[in-house]
PDB file of N, CA and C in Angstrom:
ATOM      1  N   UNK A   1      92.043 -97.568  69.160  1.00  0.00           N
ATOM      2  CA  UNK A   1      91.450 -97.138  67.763  1.00  0.00           C
ATOM      3  C   UNK A   1      91.211 -98.409  67.143  1.00  0.00           C
ATOM      4  N   UNK A   2      89.804 -98.274  66.741  1.00  0.00           N
ATOM      5  CA  UNK A   2      89.642 -99.613  65.850  1.00  0.00           C
ATOM      6  C   UNK A   2      88.547 -98.745  64.951  1.00  0.00           C
ATOM      7  N   UNK A   3      88.437 -99.912  63.749  1.00  0.00           N
ATOM      8  CA  UNK A   3      87.105 -99.671  62.965  1.00  0.00           C
ATOM      9  C   UNK A   3      86.707-100.923  62.432  1.00  0.00           C
ATOM     10  N   UNK A   4      85.670-101.221  62.809  1.00  0.00           N
ATOM     11  CA  UNK A   4      84.557-101.981  61.728  1.00  0.00           C
ATOM     12  C   UNK A   4      83.827-102.069  60.765  1.00  0.00           C
ATOM     13  N   UNK A   5      83.631-103.025  59.660  1.00  0.00           N
ATOM     14  CA  UNK A   5      82.165-102.733  59.534  1.00  0.00           C
ATOM     15  C   UNK A   5      81.662-104.342  59.529  1.00  0.00           C
ATOM     16  N   UNK A   6      80.041-104.431  59.724  1.00  0.00           N
ATOM     17  CA  UNK A   6      79.056-105.710  60.130  1.00  0.00           C
ATOM     18  C   UNK A   6      78.413-105.445  59.052  1.00  0.00           C
ATOM     19  N   UNK A   7      77.764-106.674  58.543  1.00  0.00           N
ATOM     20  CA  UNK A   7      76.632-106.846  57.225  1.00  0.00           C
ATOM     21  C   UNK A   7      75.965-107.815  57.905  1.00  0.00           C
ATOM     22  N   UNK A   8      74.774-107.476  58.710  1.00  0.00           N
ATOM     23  CA  UNK A   8      73.885-107.960  59.291  1.00  0.00           C
ATOM     24  C   UNK A   8      72.331-107.797  58.690  1.00  0.00           C
ATOM     25  N   UNK A   9      72.571-109.009  57.790  1.00  0.00           N
ATOM     26  CA  UNK A   9      70.741-109.066  57.227  1.00  0.00           C
ATOM     27  C   UNK A   9      70.260-108.044  56.395  1.00  0.00           C
ATOM     28  N   UNK A  10      71.960-107.937  55.342  1.00  0.00           N
ATOM     29  CA  UNK A  10      71.809-106.607  54.236  1.00  0.00           C
ATOM     30  C   UNK A  10      71.989-105.195  55.465  1.00  0.00           C
ATOM     31  N   UNK A  11      72.290-105.048  56.302  1.00  0.00           N
ATOM     32  CA  UNK A  11      72.270-104.116  57.126  1.00  0.00           C
ATOM     33  C   UNK A  11      73.484-103.715  57.270  1.00  0.00           C
ATOM     34  N   UNK A  12      74.061-102.646  57.118  1.00  0.00           N
ATOM     35  CA  UNK A  12      75.202-102.489  57.016  1.00  0.00           C
ATOM     36  C   UNK A  12      75.556-101.502  58.155  1.00  0.00           C
ATOM     37  N   UNK A  13      76.779-102.167  59.600  1.00  0.00           N
ATOM     38  CA  UNK A  13      76.712-101.214  60.205  1.00  0.00           C
ATOM     39  C   UNK A  13      78.863-100.602  60.749  1.00  0.00           C
ATOM     40  N   UNK A  14      78.954 -99.680  60.579  1.00  0.00           N
ATOM     41  CA  UNK A  14      79.875 -99.197  60.457  1.00  0.00           C
ATOM     42  C   UNK A  14      80.573 -98.506  62.039  1.00  0.00           C
ATOM     43  N   UNK A  15      81.304 -99.020  62.784  1.00  0.00           N
ATOM     44  CA  UNK A  15      81.546 -98.303  63.991  1.00  0.00           C
ATOM     45  C   UNK A  15      83.296 -98.003  63.847  1.00  0.00           C
ATOM     46  N   UNK A  16      83.430 -96.610  64.174  1.00  0.00           N
ATOM     47  CA  UNK A  16      84.820 -96.490  64.476  1.00  0.00           C
ATOM     48  C   UNK A  16      85.165 -95.479  65.728  1.00  0.00           C
ATOM     49  N   UNK A  17      86.324 -96.156  66.249  1.00  0.00           N
ATOM     50  CA  UNK A  17      86.859 -95.239  67.574  1.00  0.00           C
ATOM     51  C   UNK A  17      88.078 -94.445  67.305  1.00  0.00           C
ATOM     52  N   UNK A  18      88.360 -93.381  68.187  1.00  0.00           N
ATOM     53  CA  UNK A  18      89.647 -93.021  68.348  1.00  0.00           C
ATOM     54  C   UNK A  18      90.154 -92.275  69.895  1.00  0.00           C
ATOM     55  N   UNK A  19      90.880 -92.287  70.268  1.00  0.00           N
ATOM     56  CA  UNK A  19      91.056 -91.068  71.899  1.00  0.00           C
ATOM     57  C   UNK A  19      91.316 -89.853  71.399  1.00  0.00           C
ATOM     58  N   UNK A  20      91.203 -89.159  72.614  1.00  0.00           N
ATOM     59  CA  UNK A  20      91.310 -87.808  72.023  1.00  0.00           C
ATOM     60  C   UNK A  20      90.911 -86.964  70.918  1.00  0.00           C
ATOM     61  N   UNK A  21      89.860 -87.855  69.814  1.00  0.00           N
ATOM     62  CA  UNK A  21      89.542 -87.192  69.058  1.00  0.00           C
ATOM     63  C   UNK A  21      87.905 -86.712  68.877  1.00  0.00           C
ATOM     64  N   UNK A  22      87.532 -85.715  68.496  1.00  0.00           N
ATOM     65  CA  UNK A  22      86.162 -85.133  68.619  1.00  0.00           C
ATOM     66  C   UNK A  22      85.847 -86.210  67.992  1.00  0.00           C
ATOM     67  N   UNK A  23      84.607 -86.711  68.088  1.00  0.00           N
ATOM     68  CA  UNK A  23      83.315 -86.915  67.560  1.00  0.00           C
ATOM     69  C   UNK A  23      82.881 -86.685  66.037  1.00  0.00           C
ATOM     70  N   UNK A  24      82.602 -85.496  66.052  1.00  0.00           N
ATOM     71  CA  UNK A  24      82.619 -85.400  64.302  1.00  0.00           C
ATOM     72  C   UNK A  24      83.150 -85.005  63.799  1.00  0.00           C
ATOM     73  N   UNK A  25      84.566 -85.626  63.984  1.00  0.00           N
ATOM     74  CA  UNK A  25      85.780 -85.120  63.622  1.00  0.00           C
ATOM     75  C   UNK A  25      85.977 -86.856  62.936  1.00  0.00           C
ATOM     76  N   UNK A  26      85.623 -88.070  63.993  1.00  0.00           N
ATOM     77  CA  UNK A  26      85.572 -89.165  63.613  1.00  0.00           C
ATOM     78  C   UNK A  26      84.491 -89.518  62.648  1.00  0.00           C
ATOM     79  N   UNK A  27      83.167 -89.143  62.794  1.00  0.00           N
ATOM     80  CA  UNK A  27      81.706 -89.107  62.146  1.00  0.00           C
ATOM     81  C   UNK A  27      82.343 -88.922  60.676  1.00  0.00           C
ATOM     82  N   UNK A  28      82.627 -87.478  60.485  1.00  0.00           N
ATOM     83  CA  UNK A  28      82.647 -86.971  58.880  1.00  0.00           C
ATOM     84  C   UNK A  28      83.900 -87.274  58.222  1.00  0.00           C
ATOM     85  N   UNK A  29      85.002 -87.164  58.924  1.00  0.00           N
ATOM     86  CA  UNK A  29      86.194 -87.016  58.284  1.00  0.00           C
ATOM     87  C   UNK A  29      87.414 -88.161  58.334  1.00  0.00           C
ATOM     88  N   UNK A  30      87.199 -89.239  59.104  1.00  0.00           N
ATOM     89  CA  UNK A  30      87.991 -90.431  59.157  1.00  0.00           C
ATOM     90  C   UNK A  30      87.099 -91.513  58.863  1.00  0.00           C
ATOM     91  N   UNK A  31      87.578 -92.072  57.582  1.00  0.00           N
ATOM     92  CA  UNK A  31      87.032 -93.138  56.884  1.00  0.00           C
ATOM     93  C   UNK A  31      87.712 -94.587  57.237  1.00  0.00           C
ATOM     94  N   UNK A  32      87.178 -95.891  57.376  1.00  0.00           N
ATOM     95  CA  UNK A  32      87.694 -96.865  57.550  1.00  0.00           C
ATOM     96  C   UNK A  32      88.621 -97.145  56.505  1.00  0.00           C
ATOM     97  N   UNK A  33      88.899 -96.584  55.585  1.00  0.00           N
ATOM     98  CA  UNK A  33      89.875 -96.881  54.711  1.00  0.00           C
ATOM     99  C   UNK A  33      91.309 -96.356  55.441  1.00  0.00           C
ATOM    100  N   UNK A  34      91.294 -95.270  56.192  1.00  0.00           N
ATOM    101  CA  UNK A  34      91.884 -94.544  56.748  1.00  0.00           C
ATOM    102  C   UNK A  34      93.096 -95.073  58.080  1.00  0.00           C
ATOM    103  N   UNK A  35      92.215 -96.095  58.567  1.00  0.00           N
ATOM    104  CA  UNK A  35      92.524 -97.314  59.963  1.00  0.00           C
ATOM    105  C   UNK A  35      93.609 -97.973  59.100  1.00  0.00           C
ATOM    106  N   UNK A  36      92.739 -98.513  57.868  1.00  0.00           N
ATOM    107  CA  UNK A  36      93.886 -99.855  57.513  1.00  0.00           C
ATOM    108  C   UNK A  36      95.348 -99.065  56.494  1.00  0.00           C
ATOM    109  N   UNK A  37      94.431 -97.949  56.254  1.00  0.00           N
ATOM    110  CA  UNK A  37      96.048 -96.843  55.424  1.00  0.00           C
ATOM    111  C   UNK A  37      97.100 -96.595  57.147  1.00  0.00           C
ATOM    112  N   UNK A  38      96.815 -96.463  58.211  1.00  0.00           N
ATOM    113  CA  UNK A  38      97.634 -96.228  59.396  1.00  0.00           C
ATOM    114  C   UNK A  38      98.372 -97.311  59.946  1.00  0.00           C
ATOM    115  N   UNK A  39      97.294 -98.656  59.535  1.00  0.00           N
ATOM    116  CA  UNK A  39      98.380 -99.918  60.018  1.00  0.00           C
ATOM    117  C   UNK A  39      98.762-100.380  59.101  1.00  0.00           C
ATOM    118  N   UNK A  40      98.988-100.880  58.086  1.00  0.00           N
ATOM    119  CA  UNK A  40      99.607-101.340  56.714  1.00  0.00           C
ATOM    120  C   UNK A  40     100.068-100.336  56.588  1.00  0.00           C
ATOM    121  N   UNK A  41     100.662 -99.138  55.691  1.00  0.00           N
ATOM    122  CA  UNK A  41     101.552 -98.246  55.363  1.00  0.00           C
ATOM    123  C   UNK A  41     102.141 -97.630  56.707  1.00  0.00           C
ATOM    124  N   UNK A  42     101.763 -97.321  57.466  1.00  0.00           N
ATOM    125  CA  UNK A  42     102.734 -96.979  58.769  1.00  0.00           C
ATOM    126  C   UNK A  42     102.427 -95.772  58.635  1.00  0.00           C
ATOM    127  N   UNK A  43     101.429 -95.081  58.276  1.00  0.00           N
ATOM    128  CA  UNK A  43     101.307 -93.571  58.281  1.00  0.00           C
ATOM    129  C   UNK A  43     100.404 -92.714  59.564  1.00  0.00           C
ATOM    130  N   UNK A  44     100.943 -91.321  59.679  1.00  0.00           N
ATOM    131  CA  UNK A  44     100.082 -90.980  60.933  1.00  0.00           C
ATOM    132  C   UNK A  44      99.288 -89.713  60.443  1.00  0.00           C
ATOM    133  N   UNK A  45      97.979 -89.448  60.841  1.00  0.00           N
ATOM    134  CA  UNK A  45      96.939 -88.927  60.291  1.00  0.00           C
ATOM    135  C   UNK A  45      96.877 -87.589  61.107  1.00  0.00           C
ATOM    136  N   UNK A  46      96.903 -86.374  61.033  1.00  0.00           N
ATOM    137  CA  UNK A  46      96.491 -85.326  61.806  1.00  0.00           C
ATOM    138  C   UNK A  46      95.114 -84.649  61.356  1.00  0.00           C
ATOM    139  N   UNK A  47      94.265 -83.870  62.063  1.00  0.00           N
ATOM    140  CA  UNK A  47      93.051 -83.772  61.968  1.00  0.00           C
ATOM    141  C   UNK A  47      92.792 -82.202  62.991  1.00  0.00           C
ATOM    142  N   UNK A  48      92.299 -81.066  62.143  1.00  0.00           N
ATOM    143  CA  UNK A  48      92.331 -79.749  63.128  1.00  0.00           C
ATOM    144  C   UNK A  48      90.769 -80.345  63.334  1.00  0.00           C
ATOM    145  N   UNK A  49      90.654 -79.744  65.090  1.00  0.00           N
ATOM    146  CA  UNK A  49      90.030 -79.628  65.978  1.00  0.00           C
ATOM    147  C   UNK A  49      89.516 -78.186  66.480  1.00  0.00           C
ATOM    148  N   UNK A  50      87.961 -77.740  66.561  1.00  0.00           N
ATOM    149  CA  UNK A  50      87.824 -76.440  67.330  1.00  0.00           C
ATOM    150  C   UNK A  50      87.426 -77.308  68.832  1.00  0.00           C
ATOM    151  N   UNK A  51      87.496 -76.296  69.917  1.00  0.00           N
ATOM    152  CA  UNK A  51      87.610 -76.413  71.389  1.00  0.00           C
ATOM    153  C   UNK A  51      86.944 -75.598  71.873  1.00  0.00           C
ATOM    154  N   UNK A  52      86.309 -75.465  72.585  1.00  0.00           N
ATOM    155  CA  UNK A  52      86.315 -73.978  74.281  1.00  0.00           C
ATOM    156  C   UNK A  52      86.699 -74.507  74.987  1.00  0.00           C
ATOM    157  N   UNK A  53      87.333 -73.907  75.715  1.00  0.00           N
ATOM    158  CA  UNK A  53      88.102 -74.152  77.461  1.00  0.00           C
ATOM    159  C   UNK A  53      87.857 -73.035  77.931  1.00  0.00           C
ATOM    160  N   UNK A  54      88.104 -73.273  79.370  1.00  0.00           N
ATOM    161  CA  UNK A  54      87.925 -71.928  80.670  1.00  0.00           C
ATOM    162  C   UNK A  54      89.225 -72.755  81.037  1.00  0.00           C
ATOM    163  N   UNK A  55      90.021 -71.590  81.120  1.00  0.00           N
ATOM    164  CA  UNK A  55      91.491 -71.276  82.025  1.00  0.00           C
ATOM    165  C   UNK A  55      91.387 -69.782  83.023  1.00  0.00           C
ATOM    166  N   UNK A  56      91.100 -70.334  84.327  1.00  0.00           N
ATOM    167  CA  UNK A  56      90.945 -69.230  85.335  1.00  0.00           C
ATOM    168  C   UNK A  56      90.210 -68.011  85.122  1.00  0.00           C
ATOM    169  N   UNK A  57      89.060 -68.759  84.556  1.00  0.00           N
ATOM    170  CA  UNK A  57      87.603 -68.243  84.203  1.00  0.00           C
ATOM    171  C   UNK A  57      87.560 -67.747  83.256  1.00  0.00           C
ATOM    172  N   UNK A  58      88.332 -67.405  82.000  1.00  0.00           N
ATOM    173  CA  UNK A  58      88.402 -67.196  81.164  1.00  0.00           C
ATOM    174  C   UNK A  58      88.019 -67.864  79.855  1.00  0.00           C
ATOM    175  N   UNK A  59      87.110 -67.937  79.479  1.00  0.00           N
ATOM    176  CA  UNK A  59      86.550 -68.721  78.316  1.00  0.00           C
ATOM    177  C   UNK A  59      87.187 -68.233  76.858  1.00  0.00           C
ATOM    178  N   UNK A  60      87.576 -69.245  76.237  1.00  0.00           N
ATOM    179  CA  UNK A  60      88.828 -68.998  75.116  1.00  0.00           C
ATOM    180  C   UNK A  60      88.271 -70.286  74.236  1.00  0.00           C
ATOM    181  N   UNK A  61      88.696 -69.994  72.761  1.00  0.00           N
ATOM    182  CA  UNK A  61      88.272 -71.013  71.467  1.00  0.00           C
ATOM    183  C   UNK A  61      89.764 -70.951  71.129  1.00  0.00           C
ATOM    184  N   UNK A  62      89.947 -72.309  70.792  1.00  0.00           N
ATOM    185  CA  UNK A  62      91.206 -72.961  70.265  1.00  0.00           C
ATOM    186  C   UNK A  62      91.133 -73.637  69.107  1.00  0.00           C
ATOM    187  N   UNK A  63      91.695 -73.602  67.917  1.00  0.00           N
ATOM    188  CA  UNK A  63      91.985 -74.443  67.025  1.00  0.00           C
ATOM    189  C   UNK A  63      93.290 -75.101  66.994  1.00  0.00           C
ATOM    190  N   UNK A  64      92.980 -76.377  67.363  1.00  0.00           N
ATOM    191  CA  UNK A  64      93.844 -77.911  67.911  1.00  0.00           C
ATOM    192  C   UNK A  64      94.396 -78.485  66.169  1.00  0.00           C
ATOM    193  N   UNK A  65      95.660 -78.789  66.052  1.00  0.00           N
ATOM    194  CA  UNK A  65      96.147 -79.609  65.058  1.00  0.00           C
ATOM    195  C   UNK A  65      96.459 -80.984  65.896  1.00  0.00           C
ATOM    196  N   UNK A  66      95.532 -81.604  65.711  1.00  0.00           N
ATOM    197  CA  UNK A  66      96.247 -83.300  66.663  1.00  0.00           C
ATOM    198  C   UNK A  66      96.447 -84.464  65.955  1.00  0.00           C
ATOM    199  N   UNK A  67      97.353 -85.126  66.725  1.00  0.00           N
ATOM    200  CA  UNK A  67      97.357 -86.113  65.909  1.00  0.00           C
ATOM    201  C   UNK A  67      96.325 -87.410  66.033  1.00  0.00           C
ATOM    202  N   UNK A  68      95.295 -87.853  64.877  1.00  0.00           N
ATOM    203  CA  UNK A  68      94.054 -88.466  65.238  1.00  0.00           C
ATOM    204  C   UNK A  68      94.310 -89.970  65.299  1.00  0.00           C
ATOM    205  N   UNK A  69      94.750 -89.993  64.321  1.00  0.00           N
ATOM    206  CA  UNK A  69      95.365 -92.081  63.894  1.00  0.00           C
ATOM    207  C   UNK A  69      97.216 -92.102  63.841  1.00  0.00           C
ATOM    208  N   UNK A  70      97.478 -92.873  64.601  1.00  0.00           N
ATOM    209  CA  UNK A  70      98.896 -93.451  64.834  1.00  0.00           C
ATOM    210  C   UNK A  70      99.020 -94.693  64.794  1.00  0.00           C
ATOM    211  N   UNK A  71     100.061 -95.485  64.049  1.00  0.00           N
ATOM    212  CA  UNK A  71     100.371 -96.973  64.629  1.00  0.00           C
ATOM    213  C   UNK A  71     101.501 -97.359  65.275  1.00  0.00           C
ATOM    214  N   UNK A  72     101.850 -96.098  65.868  1.00  0.00           N
ATOM    215  CA  UNK A  72     102.577 -96.710  67.127  1.00  0.00           C
ATOM    216  C   UNK A  72     102.256 -95.966  68.479  1.00  0.00           C
ATOM    217  N   UNK A  73     102.531 -97.500  69.241  1.00  0.00           N
ATOM    218  CA  UNK A  73     101.833 -97.671  70.309  1.00  0.00           C
ATOM    219  C   UNK A  73     102.411 -97.660  71.064  1.00  0.00           C
ATOM    220  N   UNK A  74     103.352 -97.066  72.254  1.00  0.00           N
ATOM    221  CA  UNK A  74     104.364 -96.962  73.424  1.00  0.00           C
ATOM    222  C   UNK A  74     103.648 -97.738  74.436  1.00  0.00           C
ATOM    223  N   UNK A  75     102.487 -98.965  74.324  1.00  0.00           N
ATOM    224  CA  UNK A  75     102.575 -99.808  75.857  1.00  0.00           C
ATOM    225  C   UNK A  75     102.348-100.684  75.684  1.00  0.00           C
ATOM    226  N   UNK A  76     102.818-101.344  74.240  1.00  0.00           N
ATOM    227  CA  UNK A  76     102.749-102.767  73.473  1.00  0.00           C
ATOM    228  C   UNK A  76     103.649-103.310  73.006  1.00  0.00           C
ATOM    229  N   UNK A  77     103.929-104.456  73.012  1.00  0.00           N
ATOM    230  CA  UNK A  77     105.057-104.929  72.232  1.00  0.00           C
ATOM    231  C   UNK A  77     104.728-105.489  70.589  1.00  0.00           C
ATOM    232  N   UNK A  78     104.828-104.834  69.766  1.00  0.00           N
ATOM    233  CA  UNK A  78     104.424-105.677  68.576  1.00  0.00           C
ATOM    234  C   UNK A  78     105.211-106.010  67.837  1.00  0.00           C
ATOM    235  N   UNK A  79     104.538-107.528  67.115  1.00  0.00           N
ATOM    236  CA  UNK A  79     105.552-108.258  66.510  1.00  0.00           C
ATOM    237  C   UNK A  79     105.672-108.102  65.018  1.00  0.00           C
ATOM    238  N   UNK A  80     106.509-108.935  64.813  1.00  0.00           N
ATOM    239  CA  UNK A  80     107.214-108.513  63.421  1.00  0.00           C
ATOM    240  C   UNK A  80     105.844-108.411  62.051  1.00  0.00           C
ATOM    241  N   UNK A  81     104.920-109.026  62.388  1.00  0.00           N
ATOM    242  CA  UNK A  81     104.283-108.937  61.271  1.00  0.00           C
ATOM    243  C   UNK A  81     103.374-107.610  61.613  1.00  0.00           C
ATOM    244  N   UNK A  82     103.754-106.319  62.441  1.00  0.00           N
ATOM    245  CA  UNK A  82     103.068-104.933  62.675  1.00  0.00           C
ATOM    246  C   UNK A  82     101.976-105.233  63.140  1.00  0.00           C
ATOM    247  N   UNK A  83     101.328-106.295  62.857  1.00  0.00           N
ATOM    248  CA  UNK A  83      99.426-106.345  63.479  1.00  0.00           C
ATOM    249  C   UNK A  83      99.540-106.624  64.927  1.00  0.00           C
ATOM    250  N   UNK A  84      99.785-107.972  64.809  1.00  0.00           N
ATOM    251  CA  UNK A  84      99.888-108.853  66.250  1.00  0.00           C
ATOM    252  C   UNK A  84     101.074-107.938  67.462  1.00  0.00           C
ATOM    253  N   UNK A  85     100.027-107.736  68.447  1.00  0.00           N
ATOM    254  CA  UNK A  85     101.052-107.414  69.957  1.00  0.00           C
ATOM    255  C   UNK A  85     100.456-107.934  71.156  1.00  0.00           C
ATOM    256  N   UNK A  86     101.726-107.699  72.218  1.00  0.00           N
ATOM    257  CA  UNK A  86     101.246-108.119  73.619  1.00  0.00           C
ATOM    258  C   UNK A  86     101.819-107.076  74.311  1.00  0.00           C
ATOM    259  N   UNK A  87     100.674-107.038  75.698  1.00  0.00           N
ATOM    260  CA  UNK A  87     101.081-105.722  76.304  1.00  0.00           C
ATOM    261  C   UNK A  87     102.492-106.160  77.006  1.00  0.00           C
ATOM    262  N   UNK A  88     103.267-105.318  77.499  1.00  0.00           N
ATOM    263  CA  UNK A  88     104.614-105.730  78.102  1.00  0.00           C
ATOM    264  C   UNK A  88     104.774-106.603  79.448  1.00  0.00           C
ATOM    265  N   UNK A  89     104.996-107.119  79.384  1.00  0.00           N
ATOM    266  CA  UNK A  89     105.034-108.343  80.345  1.00  0.00           C
ATOM    267  C   UNK A  89     104.555-109.811  80.323  1.00  0.00           C
ATOM    268  N   UNK A  90     104.213-109.886  79.252  1.00  0.00           N
ATOM    269  CA  UNK A  90     103.571-110.907  78.952  1.00  0.00           C
ATOM    270  C   UNK A  90     104.178-111.868  78.773  1.00  0.00           C
ATOM    271  N   UNK A  91     104.060-113.026  79.060  1.00  0.00           N
ATOM    272  CA  UNK A  91     105.316-114.278  79.219  1.00  0.00           C
ATOM    273  C   UNK A  91     105.837-114.829  77.816  1.00  0.00           C
ATOM    274  N   UNK A  92     105.487-114.593  76.570  1.00  0.00           N
ATOM    275  CA  UNK A  92     105.636-115.339  75.064  1.00  0.00           C
ATOM    276  C   UNK A  92     106.891-113.985  74.803  1.00  0.00           C
ATOM    277  N   UNK A  93     106.950-112.801  75.570  1.00  0.00           N
ATOM    278  CA  UNK A  93     108.212-111.668  75.117  1.00  0.00           C
ATOM    279  C   UNK A  93     109.639-112.088  75.585  1.00  0.00           C
TER     280      UNK A  93
END
C-alpha cells in the first residue's frame, strides 16, 4: 500500500494503491490523508465492497466489510521510528 502526489509543471498527479481493495473504493473513498493517518497514528481502516462470485456454478452477490488500510505488516521488521522497515533475514536485524 502506498500513495504519493507529484507536481509536474503545474499538473498534479495522485497515485494510490492498496492490495485486495476494489479500484472504485480506492478511487472514490480513500484519500491521501488516510494513508498518512494509518502510517503515523497506527489506525486501521475498513471499507465496504460489493462482489459477485460463483460457487459451484451458483452466482451470488456479496457485501464485504474488509480491512482496506493497515499499519501492521507481518512480513517485515519495523524499526523504532515506525516507518523504516527491513525484510526478515536482512543483515542489519
